Amino acid sequence: MKKTALVTGASSGIGKEISRVLAEKGFDLVLVSQNSTRLASAKQEIESKFQVDVDMFPVDLSDPDAPNEVFQYCQGKDNDVLVNNAGGNVYGPFQLTDLTHQQRTFG
């Protein structure tokens, strides 16, 4: 029986590389990212190279409703692994960074 991994932040960088490694190990994937164009490209590349099934779920996880949307999407799917790689960096002393950006990035 094939295993499935859900990877957030999967359209680029570390998330995309982790997705490739999991696919190489035979995992089917559910890829989550806010960038639907890059997500579709990652899906196509991974499916053709590793012959695994890839579902994509484009959503901005900084939206308060998004985690529940991902949960609902995954209901009934057997997800064996979660790689939560979504988010971004905020640089500088905490007290000098923009509060709105902090809340959007880290909830």
Protein backbone atom coordinates (compact mmCIF):
# COMPACT_ATOMS: atom_id res chain seq x y z
CA MET A 1 0.00 0.00 0.00
CA LYS A 2 1.38 3.40 -0.99
CA LYS A 3 1.91 6.05 1.61
CA THR A 4 0.92 9.69 1.25
CA ALA A 5 2.64 12.82 2.51
CA LEU A 6 1.15 16.29 2.85
CA VAL A 7 3.73 19.03 2.33
CA THR A 8 3.02 22.72 2.93
CA GLY A 9 5.16 25.38 1.30
CA ALA A 10 5.72 22.84 -1.47
CA SER A 11 6.01 25.06 -4.55
CA SER A 12 9.62 26.16 -4.04
CA GLY A 13 12.71 25.95 -1.87
CA ILE A 14 12.97 23.40 0.91
CA GLY A 15 9.32 22.33 0.59
CA LYS A 16 9.76 21.45 -3.08
CA GLU A 17 12.98 19.55 -2.36
CA ILE A 18 11.34 17.61 0.48
CA SER A 19 8.50 16.75 -1.90
CA ARG A 20 10.99 15.40 -4.43
CA VAL A 21 12.72 13.26 -1.79
CA LEU A 22 9.41 11.83 -0.58
CA ALA A 23 8.32 11.11 -4.16
CA GLU A 24 11.64 9.39 -4.84
CA LYS A 25 10.89 7.16 -1.84
CA GLY A 26 7.50 6.29 -3.40
CA PHE A 27 5.15 8.57 -1.47
CA ASP A 28 2.09 9.99 -3.16
CA LEU A 29 1.81 13.68 -2.31
CA VAL A 30 -0.63 16.39 -1.37
CA LEU A 31 1.17 19.66 -2.09
CA VAL A 32 -0.03 22.88 -0.45
CA SER A 33 1.13 26.37 -1.41
CA GLN A 34 -0.35 29.77 -2.11
CA ASN A 35 1.37 29.98 -5.52
CA SER A 36 -0.82 27.90 -7.81
CA THR A 37 1.39 28.39 -10.89
CA ARG A 38 4.53 27.07 -9.20
CA LEU A 39 2.48 24.38 -7.47
CA ALA A 40 1.18 23.11 -10.82
CA SER A 41 4.74 23.08 -12.18
CA ALA A 42 5.98 21.10 -9.17
CA LYS A 43 3.09 18.65 -9.55
CA GLN A 44 3.85 18.05 -13.22
CA GLU A 45 7.59 17.66 -12.64
CA ILE A 46 7.24 15.26 -9.70
CA GLU A 47 4.56 13.10 -11.32
CA SER A 48 6.53 12.68 -14.53
CA LYS A 49 9.88 12.03 -12.86
CA PHE A 50 8.80 9.75 -10.01
CA GLN A 51 5.53 8.16 -11.23
CA VAL A 52 3.61 9.03 -8.07
CA ASP A 53 0.19 10.64 -7.66
CA VAL A 54 0.28 14.31 -6.70
CA ASP A 55 -2.72 16.31 -5.52
CA MET A 56 -2.31 20.05 -5.24
CA PHE A 57 -4.20 22.36 -2.94
CA PRO A 58 -3.49 26.05 -3.60
CA VAL A 59 -4.28 28.05 -0.48
CA ASP A 60 -2.73 30.87 1.55
CA LEU A 61 -2.18 29.34 4.99
CA SER A 62 -2.02 32.78 6.59
CA ASP A 63 -5.79 33.00 5.96
CA PRO A 64 -7.45 31.94 9.25
CA ASP A 65 -9.88 29.64 7.36
CA ALA A 66 -7.15 27.90 5.35
CA PRO A 67 -6.06 25.23 7.86
CA ASN A 68 -9.64 24.00 8.14
CA GLU A 69 -9.94 24.00 4.33
CA VAL A 70 -6.83 21.80 4.08
CA PHE A 71 -8.22 19.54 6.82
CA GLN A 72 -11.54 19.18 4.99
CA TYR A 73 -9.75 18.48 1.71
CA CYS A 74 -7.74 15.71 3.36
CA GLN A 75 -10.72 14.05 5.05
CA GLY A 76 -10.92 10.48 3.82
CA LYS A 77 -7.36 10.49 2.50
CA ASP A 78 -4.77 8.40 4.25
CA ASN A 79 -1.99 10.88 5.04
CA ASP A 80 0.99 9.18 6.64
CA VAL A 81 3.39 12.14 6.87
CA LEU A 82 2.96 15.87 7.42
CA VAL A 83 5.76 18.29 6.55
CA ASN A 84 4.69 21.75 7.72
CA ASN A 85 7.06 24.00 5.82
CA ALA A 86 4.77 26.98 5.16
CA GLY A 87 5.73 30.43 6.28
CA GLY A 88 8.32 33.04 5.73
CA ASN A 89 11.03 34.95 7.45
CA VAL A 90 10.82 38.25 9.24
CA TYR A 91 14.19 39.87 9.68
CA GLY A 92 15.31 42.29 12.36
CA PRO A 93 14.72 42.86 16.05
CA PHE A 94 11.25 41.65 16.98
CA GLN A 95 10.18 44.99 18.48
CA LEU A 96 11.04 46.76 15.20
CA THR A 97 9.22 44.40 12.85
CA ASP A 98 5.75 45.08 11.51
CA LEU A 99 3.09 43.53 13.80
CA THR A 100 0.67 42.90 10.94
CA HIS A 101 3.36 41.00 9.04
CA GLN A 102 4.24 38.99 12.16
CA GLN A 103 0.60 38.01 12.70
CA ARG A 104 0.12 37.10 9.04
CA THR A 105 3.29 35.00 8.95
CA PHE A 106 3.12 33.28 12.33
CA GLY A 107 -0.56 33.49 13.24
